[in-house]
PDB file of N, CA and C in Angstrom:
ATOM      1  N   MET A   1       0.836  -1.163   0.000  1.00  0.00           N
ATOM      2  CA  MET A   1       0.000   0.000   0.000  1.00  0.00           C
ATOM      3  C   MET A   1       0.893   1.241   0.000  1.00  0.00           C
ATOM      4  N   LEU A   2       0.531   2.214  -0.822  1.00  0.00           N
ATOM      5  CA  LEU A   2       1.259   3.479  -0.904  1.00  0.00           C
ATOM      6  C   LEU A   2       0.295   4.625  -0.675  1.00  0.00           C
ATOM      7  N   GLU A   3       0.794   5.721  -0.158  1.00  0.00           N
ATOM      8  CA  GLU A   3       0.029   6.958  -0.105  1.00  0.00           C
ATOM      9  C   GLU A   3       0.832   8.029  -0.810  1.00  0.00           C
ATOM     10  N   LEU A   4       0.158   8.737  -1.699  1.00  0.00           N
ATOM     11  CA  LEU A   4       0.769   9.824  -2.446  1.00  0.00           C
ATOM     12  C   LEU A   4       0.053  11.107  -2.096  1.00  0.00           C
ATOM     13  N   THR A   5       0.794  12.168  -1.878  1.00  0.00           N
ATOM     14  CA  THR A   5       0.206  13.489  -1.679  1.00  0.00           C
ATOM     15  C   THR A   5       0.513  14.280  -2.945  1.00  0.00           C
ATOM     16  N   VAL A   6      -0.539  14.847  -3.534  1.00  0.00           N
ATOM     17  CA  VAL A   6      -0.384  15.587  -4.785  1.00  0.00           C
ATOM     18  C   VAL A   6      -0.715  17.059  -4.571  1.00  0.00           C
ATOM     19  N   SER A   7      -0.280  17.885  -5.506  1.00  0.00           N
ATOM     20  CA  SER A   7      -0.441  19.330  -5.362  1.00  0.00           C
ATOM     21  C   SER A   7      -1.825  19.825  -5.766  1.00  0.00           C
ATOM     22  N   THR A   8      -2.631  18.967  -6.362  1.00  0.00           N
ATOM     23  CA  THR A   8      -3.957  19.353  -6.824  1.00  0.00           C
ATOM     24  C   THR A   8      -4.998  18.426  -6.205  1.00  0.00           C
ATOM     25  N   SER A   9      -6.240  18.600  -6.599  1.00  0.00           N
ATOM     26  CA  SER A   9      -7.258  17.654  -6.144  1.00  0.00           C
ATOM     27  C   SER A   9      -6.957  16.291  -6.757  1.00  0.00           C
ATOM     28  N   PRO A  10      -7.312  15.226  -6.083  1.00  0.00           N
ATOM     29  CA  PRO A  10      -6.881  13.897  -6.535  1.00  0.00           C
ATOM     30  C   PRO A  10      -7.604  13.336  -7.764  1.00  0.00           C
ATOM     31  N   GLU A  11      -8.678  13.951  -8.220  1.00  0.00           N
ATOM     32  CA  GLU A  11      -9.452  13.363  -9.319  1.00  0.00           C
ATOM     33  C   GLU A  11      -8.623  13.140 -10.577  1.00  0.00           C
ATOM     34  N   ALA A  12      -7.863  14.145 -10.989  1.00  0.00           N
ATOM     35  CA  ALA A  12      -7.034  14.005 -12.196  1.00  0.00           C
ATOM     36  C   ALA A  12      -5.972  12.933 -11.994  1.00  0.00           C
ATOM     37  N   ALA A  13      -5.383  12.901 -10.811  1.00  0.00           N
ATOM     38  CA  ALA A  13      -4.355  11.900 -10.514  1.00  0.00           C
ATOM     39  C   ALA A  13      -4.955  10.498 -10.531  1.00  0.00           C
ATOM     40  N   LEU A  14      -6.157  10.344  -9.983  1.00  0.00           N
ATOM     41  CA  LEU A  14      -6.807   9.032  -9.976  1.00  0.00           C
ATOM     42  C   LEU A  14      -7.057   8.548 -11.395  1.00  0.00           C
ATOM     43  N   GLU A  15      -7.445   9.450 -12.274  1.00  0.00           N
ATOM     44  CA  GLU A  15      -7.694   9.081 -13.668  1.00  0.00           C
ATOM     45  C   GLU A  15      -6.403   8.598 -14.342  1.00  0.00           C
ATOM     46  N   VAL A  16      -5.316   9.346 -14.156  1.00  0.00           N
ATOM     47  CA  VAL A  16      -4.030   8.977 -14.756  1.00  0.00           C
ATOM     48  C   VAL A  16      -3.562   7.628 -14.222  1.00  0.00           C
ATOM     49  N   LEU A  17      -3.581   7.472 -12.912  1.00  0.00           N
ATOM     50  CA  LEU A  17      -3.089   6.234 -12.302  1.00  0.00           C
ATOM     51  C   LEU A  17      -3.932   5.034 -12.701  1.00  0.00           C
ATOM     52  N   GLY A  18      -5.235   5.214 -12.780  1.00  0.00           N
ATOM     53  CA  GLY A  18      -6.124   4.123 -13.182  1.00  0.00           C
ATOM     54  C   GLY A  18      -5.851   3.643 -14.593  1.00  0.00           C
ATOM     55  N   ARG A  19      -5.524   4.585 -15.477  1.00  0.00           N
ATOM     56  CA  ARG A  19      -5.210   4.227 -16.867  1.00  0.00           C
ATOM     57  C   ARG A  19      -3.872   3.516 -16.974  1.00  0.00           C
ATOM     58  N   VAL A  20      -2.871   4.023 -16.278  1.00  0.00           N
ATOM     59  CA  VAL A  20      -1.511   3.505 -16.420  1.00  0.00           C
ATOM     60  C   VAL A  20      -1.278   2.244 -15.594  1.00  0.00           C
ATOM     61  N   PHE A  21      -1.862   2.184 -14.416  1.00  0.00           N
ATOM     62  CA  PHE A  21      -1.644   1.060 -13.500  1.00  0.00           C
ATOM     63  C   PHE A  21      -2.981   0.392 -13.186  1.00  0.00           C
ATOM     64  N   GLY A  22      -3.582  -0.219 -14.180  1.00  0.00           N
ATOM     65  CA  GLY A  22      -4.903  -0.814 -14.038  1.00  0.00           C
ATOM     66  C   GLY A  22      -4.985  -1.967 -13.054  1.00  0.00           C
ATOM     67  N   GLU A  23      -3.845  -2.603 -12.738  1.00  0.00           N
ATOM     68  CA  GLU A  23      -3.866  -3.747 -11.830  1.00  0.00           C
ATOM     69  C   GLU A  23      -3.995  -3.332 -10.363  1.00  0.00           C
ATOM     70  N   ALA A  24      -3.779  -2.065 -10.065  1.00  0.00           N
ATOM     71  CA  ALA A  24      -3.854  -1.570  -8.682  1.00  0.00           C
ATOM     72  C   ALA A  24      -5.184  -0.848  -8.471  1.00  0.00           C
ATOM     73  N   ARG A  25      -5.527  -0.652  -7.200  1.00  0.00           N
ATOM     74  CA  ARG A  25      -6.749   0.086  -6.845  1.00  0.00           C
ATOM     75  C   ARG A  25      -6.326   1.405  -6.215  1.00  0.00           C
ATOM     76  N   PHE A  26      -6.902   2.505  -6.707  1.00  0.00           N
ATOM     77  CA  PHE A  26      -6.561   3.836  -6.229  1.00  0.00           C
ATOM     78  C   PHE A  26      -7.803   4.506  -5.668  1.00  0.00           C
ATOM     79  N   SER A  27      -7.632   5.225  -4.558  1.00  0.00           N
ATOM     80  CA  SER A  27      -8.750   5.946  -3.965  1.00  0.00           C
ATOM     81  C   SER A  27      -8.251   7.214  -3.287  1.00  0.00           C
ATOM     82  N   ALA A  28      -9.113   8.220  -3.248  1.00  0.00           N
ATOM     83  CA  ALA A  28      -8.789   9.464  -2.558  1.00  0.00           C
ATOM     84  C   ALA A  28      -9.085   9.261  -1.079  1.00  0.00           C
ATOM     85  N   VAL A  29      -8.128   9.615  -0.227  1.00  0.00           N
ATOM     86  CA  VAL A  29      -8.327   9.456   1.221  1.00  0.00           C
ATOM     87  C   VAL A  29      -8.353  10.794   1.942  1.00  0.00           C
ATOM     88  N   ALA A  30      -8.046  11.876   1.240  1.00  0.00           N
ATOM     89  CA  ALA A  30      -8.100  13.224   1.799  1.00  0.00           C
ATOM     90  C   ALA A  30      -8.099  14.202   0.623  1.00  0.00           C
ATOM     91  N   ASP A  31      -8.071  15.492   0.935  1.00  0.00           N
ATOM     92  CA  ASP A  31      -8.124  16.508  -0.119  1.00  0.00           C
ATOM     93  C   ASP A  31      -7.032  16.349  -1.168  1.00  0.00           C
ATOM     94  N   THR A  32      -5.846  15.984  -0.747  1.00  0.00           N
ATOM     95  CA  THR A  32      -4.744  15.869  -1.703  1.00  0.00           C
ATOM     96  C   THR A  32      -4.003  14.542  -1.587  1.00  0.00           C
ATOM     97  N   ARG A  33      -4.580  13.572  -0.867  1.00  0.00           N
ATOM     98  CA  ARG A  33      -3.905  12.280  -0.695  1.00  0.00           C
ATOM     99  C   ARG A  33      -4.623  11.175  -1.440  1.00  0.00           C
ATOM    100  N   ILE A  34      -3.812  10.289  -1.996  1.00  0.00           N
ATOM    101  CA  ILE A  34      -4.314   9.136  -2.748  1.00  0.00           C
ATOM    102  C   ILE A  34      -3.702   7.888  -2.144  1.00  0.00           C
ATOM    103  N   ARG A  35      -4.514   6.855  -2.008  1.00  0.00           N
ATOM    104  CA  ARG A  35      -4.013   5.564  -1.537  1.00  0.00           C
ATOM    105  C   ARG A  35      -4.007   4.608  -2.719  1.00  0.00           C
ATOM    106  N   ALA A  36      -2.895   3.907  -2.858  1.00  0.00           N
ATOM    107  CA  ALA A  36      -2.733   2.908  -3.911  1.00  0.00           C
ATOM    108  C   ALA A  36      -2.587   1.551  -3.237  1.00  0.00           C
ATOM    109  N   GLU A  37      -3.424   0.604  -3.634  1.00  0.00           N
ATOM    110  CA  GLU A  37      -3.380  -0.737  -3.059  1.00  0.00           C
ATOM    111  C   GLU A  37      -3.220  -1.752  -4.172  1.00  0.00           C
ATOM    112  N   SER A  38      -2.396  -2.756  -3.909  1.00  0.00           N
ATOM    113  CA  SER A  38      -2.156  -3.799  -4.895  1.00  0.00           C
ATOM    114  C   SER A  38      -1.655  -5.050  -4.189  1.00  0.00           C
ATOM    115  N   VAL A  39      -1.959  -6.188  -4.769  1.00  0.00           N
ATOM    116  CA  VAL A  39      -1.454  -7.439  -4.222  1.00  0.00           C
ATOM    117  C   VAL A  39       0.043  -7.544  -4.513  1.00  0.00           C
ATOM    118  N   ALA A  40       0.419  -7.109  -5.697  1.00  0.00           N
ATOM    119  CA  ALA A  40       1.836  -7.107  -6.088  1.00  0.00           C
ATOM    120  C   ALA A  40       2.489  -5.808  -5.609  1.00  0.00           C
ATOM    121  N   PRO A  41       3.784  -5.822  -5.393  1.00  0.00           N
ATOM    122  CA  PRO A  41       4.467  -4.590  -4.993  1.00  0.00           C
ATOM    123  C   PRO A  41       4.285  -3.480  -6.031  1.00  0.00           C
ATOM    124  N   LEU A  42       4.050  -2.267  -5.559  1.00  0.00           N
ATOM    125  CA  LEU A  42       3.906  -1.118  -6.448  1.00  0.00           C
ATOM    126  C   LEU A  42       5.211  -0.322  -6.470  1.00  0.00           C
ATOM    127  N   PRO A  43       5.747  -0.053  -7.637  1.00  0.00           N
ATOM    128  CA  PRO A  43       6.966   0.745  -7.717  1.00  0.00           C
ATOM    129  C   PRO A  43       6.639   2.231  -7.564  1.00  0.00           C
ATOM    130  N   VAL A  44       7.294   2.898  -6.650  1.00  0.00           N
ATOM    131  CA  VAL A  44       7.009   4.312  -6.369  1.00  0.00           C
ATOM    132  C   VAL A  44       7.443   5.196  -7.543  1.00  0.00           C
ATOM    133  N   GLY A  45       8.633   4.964  -8.068  1.00  0.00           N
ATOM    134  CA  GLY A  45       9.169   5.811  -9.137  1.00  0.00           C
ATOM    135  C   GLY A  45       8.245   5.944 -10.337  1.00  0.00           C
ATOM    136  N   PRO A  46       7.796   4.839 -10.941  1.00  0.00           N
ATOM    137  CA  PRO A  46       6.903   4.952 -12.100  1.00  0.00           C
ATOM    138  C   PRO A  46       5.565   5.639 -11.776  1.00  0.00           C
ATOM    139  N   LEU A  47       5.049   5.451 -10.560  1.00  0.00           N
ATOM    140  CA  LEU A  47       3.807   6.141 -10.177  1.00  0.00           C
ATOM    141  C   LEU A  47       4.017   7.649 -10.174  1.00  0.00           C
ATOM    142  N   VAL A  48       5.102   8.078  -9.545  1.00  0.00           N
ATOM    143  CA  VAL A  48       5.409   9.506  -9.460  1.00  0.00           C
ATOM    144  C   VAL A  48       5.665  10.074 -10.854  1.00  0.00           C
ATOM    145  N   ARG A  49       6.451   9.369 -11.670  1.00  0.00           N
ATOM    146  CA  ARG A  49       6.751   9.839 -13.025  1.00  0.00           C
ATOM    147  C   ARG A  49       5.488   9.979 -13.867  1.00  0.00           C
ATOM    148  N   ALA A  50       4.593   9.007 -13.784  1.00  0.00           N
ATOM    149  CA  ALA A  50       3.354   9.055 -14.576  1.00  0.00           C
ATOM    150  C   ALA A  50       2.542  10.301 -14.231  1.00  0.00           C
ATOM    151  N   LEU A  51       2.491  10.639 -12.949  1.00  0.00           N
ATOM    152  CA  LEU A  51       1.743  11.831 -12.537  1.00  0.00           C
ATOM    153  C   LEU A  51       2.455  13.113 -12.968  1.00  0.00           C
ATOM    154  N   GLU A  52       3.757  13.170 -12.756  1.00  0.00           N
ATOM    155  CA  GLU A  52       4.491  14.390 -13.073  1.00  0.00           C
ATOM    156  C   GLU A  52       4.541  14.651 -14.579  1.00  0.00           C
ATOM    157  N   GLU A  53       4.498  13.597 -15.393  1.00  0.00           N
ATOM    158  CA  GLU A  53       4.432  13.773 -16.846  1.00  0.00           C
ATOM    159  C   GLU A  53       3.127  14.436 -17.269  1.00  0.00           C
ATOM    160  N   LYS A  54       2.103  14.315 -16.449  1.00  0.00           N
ATOM    161  CA  LYS A  54       0.803  14.937 -16.728  1.00  0.00           C
ATOM    162  C   LYS A  54       0.649  16.265 -15.988  1.00  0.00           C
ATOM    163  N   GLY A  55       1.741  16.764 -15.403  1.00  0.00           N
ATOM    164  CA  GLY A  55       1.706  18.059 -14.735  1.00  0.00           C
ATOM    165  C   GLY A  55       1.172  18.024 -13.314  1.00  0.00           C
ATOM    166  N   ILE A  56       1.092  16.841 -12.728  1.00  0.00           N
ATOM    167  CA  ILE A  56       0.607  16.707 -11.353  1.00  0.00           C
ATOM    168  C   ILE A  56       1.812  16.482 -10.450  1.00  0.00           C
ATOM    169  N   GLU A  57       2.096  17.467  -9.617  1.00  0.00           N
ATOM    170  CA  GLU A  57       3.261  17.385  -8.736  1.00  0.00           C
ATOM    171  C   GLU A  57       2.962  16.473  -7.549  1.00  0.00           C
ATOM    172  N   VAL A  58       3.884  15.584  -7.259  1.00  0.00           N
ATOM    173  CA  VAL A  58       3.789  14.699  -6.098  1.00  0.00           C
ATOM    174  C   VAL A  58       4.685  15.288  -5.019  1.00  0.00           C
ATOM    175  N   THR A  59       4.079  15.673  -3.899  1.00  0.00           N
ATOM    176  CA  THR A  59       4.851  16.300  -2.822  1.00  0.00           C
ATOM    177  C   THR A  59       5.317  15.292  -1.784  1.00  0.00           C
ATOM    178  N   GLU A  60       4.688  14.122  -1.759  1.00  0.00           N
ATOM    179  CA  GLU A  60       5.105  13.072  -0.830  1.00  0.00           C
ATOM    180  C   GLU A  60       4.643  11.721  -1.366  1.00  0.00           C
ATOM    181  N   ALA A  61       5.476  10.732  -1.209  1.00  0.00           N
ATOM    182  CA  ALA A  61       5.134   9.351  -1.570  1.00  0.00           C
ATOM    183  C   ALA A  61       5.722   8.462  -0.489  1.00  0.00           C
ATOM    184  N   ARG A  62       4.870   7.633   0.121  1.00  0.00           N
ATOM    185  CA  ARG A  62       5.386   6.769   1.182  1.00  0.00           C
ATOM    186  C   ARG A  62       4.607   5.462   1.231  1.00  0.00           C
ATOM    187  N   ARG A  63       5.300   4.440   1.645  1.00  0.00           N
ATOM    188  CA  ARG A  63       4.661   3.132   1.851  1.00  0.00           C
ATOM    189  C   ARG A  63       3.984   3.149   3.210  1.00  0.00           C
ATOM    190  N   VAL A  64       2.807   2.570   3.285  1.00  0.00           N
ATOM    191  CA  VAL A  64       2.093   2.474   4.558  1.00  0.00           C
ATOM    192  C   VAL A  64       1.663   1.028   4.762  1.00  0.00           C
ATOM    193  N   ARG A  65       1.599   0.649   5.996  1.00  0.00           N
ATOM    194  CA  ARG A  65       1.106  -0.687   6.324  1.00  0.00           C
ATOM    195  C   ARG A  65      -0.371  -0.570   6.699  1.00  0.00           C
ATOM    196  N   PRO A  66      -1.182  -1.487   6.231  1.00  0.00           N
ATOM    197  CA  PRO A  66      -2.595  -1.437   6.589  1.00  0.00           C
ATOM    198  C   PRO A  66      -2.772  -1.713   8.080  1.00  0.00           C
ATOM    199  N   THR A  67      -3.805  -1.117   8.649  1.00  0.00           N
ATOM    200  CA  THR A  67      -4.102  -1.381  10.055  1.00  0.00           C
ATOM    201  C   THR A  67      -4.680  -2.787  10.181  1.00  0.00           C
ATOM    202  N   LEU A  68      -4.705  -3.288  11.388  1.00  0.00           N
ATOM    203  CA  LEU A  68      -5.274  -4.604  11.636  1.00  0.00           C
ATOM    204  C   LEU A  68      -6.747  -4.630  11.221  1.00  0.00           C
ATOM    205  N   GLU A  69      -7.451  -3.538  11.478  1.00  0.00           N
ATOM    206  CA  GLU A  69      -8.861  -3.459  11.091  1.00  0.00           C
ATOM    207  C   GLU A  69      -9.011  -3.511   9.574  1.00  0.00           C
ATOM    208  N   GLU A  70      -8.150  -2.814   8.822  1.00  0.00           N
ATOM    209  CA  GLU A  70      -8.218  -2.843   7.365  1.00  0.00           C
ATOM    210  C   GLU A  70      -7.965  -4.249   6.820  1.00  0.00           C
ATOM    211  N   VAL A  71      -7.022  -4.958   7.420  1.00  0.00           N
ATOM    212  CA  VAL A  71      -6.739  -6.331   7.005  1.00  0.00           C
ATOM    213  C   VAL A  71      -7.945  -7.225   7.307  1.00  0.00           C
ATOM    214  N   PHE A  72      -8.536  -7.062   8.482  1.00  0.00           N
ATOM    215  CA  PHE A  72      -9.702  -7.852   8.872  1.00  0.00           C
ATOM    216  C   PHE A  72     -10.858  -7.634   7.898  1.00  0.00           C
ATOM    217  N   VAL A  73     -11.150  -6.370   7.587  1.00  0.00           N
ATOM    218  CA  VAL A  73     -12.254  -6.062   6.685  1.00  0.00           C
ATOM    219  C   VAL A  73     -11.969  -6.619   5.295  1.00  0.00           C
ATOM    220  N   ALA A  74     -10.743  -6.480   4.819  1.00  0.00           N
ATOM    221  CA  ALA A  74     -10.389  -7.006   3.495  1.00  0.00           C
ATOM    222  C   ALA A  74     -10.516  -8.522   3.447  1.00  0.00           C
ATOM    223  N   THR A  75     -10.174  -9.184   4.544  1.00  0.00           N
ATOM    224  CA  THR A  75     -10.203 -10.640   4.589  1.00  0.00           C
ATOM    225  C   THR A  75     -11.617 -11.188   4.754  1.00  0.00           C
ATOM    226  N   THR A  76     -12.390 -10.587   5.661  1.00  0.00           N
ATOM    227  CA  THR A  76     -13.706 -11.126   5.987  1.00  0.00           C
ATOM    228  C   THR A  76     -14.850 -10.421   5.283  1.00  0.00           C
ATOM    229  N   GLY A  77     -14.631  -9.172   4.896  1.00  0.00           N
ATOM    230  CA  GLY A  77     -15.722  -8.392   4.319  1.00  0.00           C
ATOM    231  C   GLY A  77     -16.635  -7.794   5.377  1.00  0.00           C
ATOM    232  N   LEU A  78     -16.303  -7.990   6.641  1.00  0.00           N
ATOM    233  CA  LEU A  78     -17.121  -7.479   7.736  1.00  0.00           C
ATOM    234  C   LEU A  78     -16.504  -6.219   8.317  1.00  0.00           C
ATOM    235  N   GLU A  79     -17.307  -5.200   8.500  1.00  0.00           N
ATOM    236  CA  GLU A  79     -16.844  -3.969   9.132  1.00  0.00           C
ATOM    237  C   GLU A  79     -16.845  -4.158  10.638  1.00  0.00           C
ATOM    238  N   ALA A  80     -15.851  -3.610  11.316  1.00  0.00           N
ATOM    239  CA  ALA A  80     -15.741  -3.725  12.766  1.00  0.00           C
ATOM    240  C   ALA A  80     -16.948  -3.102  13.461  1.00  0.00           C
ATOM    241  N   ALA A  81     -17.444  -1.984  12.938  1.00  0.00           N
ATOM    242  CA  ALA A  81     -18.607  -1.328  13.541  1.00  0.00           C
ATOM    243  C   ALA A  81     -19.830  -2.240  13.479  1.00  0.00           C
ATOM    244  N   ALA A  82     -19.992  -2.966  12.394  1.00  0.00           N
ATOM    245  CA  ALA A  82     -21.121  -3.891  12.265  1.00  0.00           C
ATOM    246  C   ALA A  82     -21.020  -5.020  13.269  1.00  0.00           C
ATOM    247  N   LEU A  83     -19.803  -5.512  13.510  1.00  0.00           N
ATOM    248  CA  LEU A  83     -19.599  -6.568  14.503  1.00  0.00           C
ATOM    249  C   LEU A  83     -19.923  -6.070  15.904  1.00  0.00           C
ATOM    250  N   ARG A  84     -19.484  -4.851  16.236  1.00  0.00           N
ATOM    251  CA  ARG A  84     -19.799  -4.280  17.550  1.00  0.00           C
ATOM    252  C   ARG A  84     -21.303  -4.135  17.727  1.00  0.00           C
ATOM    253  N   SER A  85     -21.962  -3.678  16.678  1.00  0.00           N
ATOM    254  CA  SER A  85     -23.414  -3.493  16.731  1.00  0.00           C
ATOM    255  C   SER A  85     -24.116  -4.827  16.976  1.00  0.00           C
ATOM    256  N   GLU A  86     -23.687  -5.858  16.285  1.00  0.00           N
ATOM    257  CA  GLU A  86     -24.277  -7.199  16.476  1.00  0.00           C
ATOM    258  C   GLU A  86     -24.019  -7.717  17.877  1.00  0.00           C
ATOM    259  N   LYS A  87     -22.821  -7.489  18.380  1.00  0.00           N
ATOM    260  CA  LYS A  87     -22.460  -7.954  19.719  1.00  0.00           C
ATOM    261  C   LYS A  87     -23.316  -7.245  20.773  1.00  0.00           C
ATOM    262  N   GLU A  88     -23.561  -5.944  20.588  1.00  0.00           N
ATOM    263  CA  GLU A  88     -24.368  -5.181  21.542  1.00  0.00           C
ATOM    264  C   GLU A  88     -25.818  -5.638  21.534  1.00  0.00           C
ATOM    265  N   LYS A  89     -26.324  -6.094  20.407  1.00  0.00           N
ATOM    266  CA  LYS A  89     -27.706  -6.576  20.313  1.00  0.00           C
ATOM    267  C   LYS A  89     -27.903  -7.830  21.151  1.00  0.00           C
ATOM    268  N   LYS A  90     -26.867  -8.646  21.259  1.00  0.00           N
ATOM    269  CA  LYS A  90     -26.968  -9.914  21.985  1.00  0.00           C
ATOM    270  C   LYS A  90     -26.791  -9.641  23.429  1.00  0.00           C
TER     271      LYS A  90
END
């Protein structure tokens, strides 16, 4: 998983990344941050170059580890809040 901070709104960056790196999943996580997720390792250099070639400046690029909750949700498909709600009902 990678997080990229861009100088503009992430919509244009998401479009570029989706076209060039179709095997990965990209999503906006804040006003100028994008999260890139992939089963295979993602190379930081080509991601940054693809954006900068389109005039989108990357101000930060870093690898992040998913939280335990993110791994749980990805594995089971169950949201932690839904589990708490079910537990409280019982």
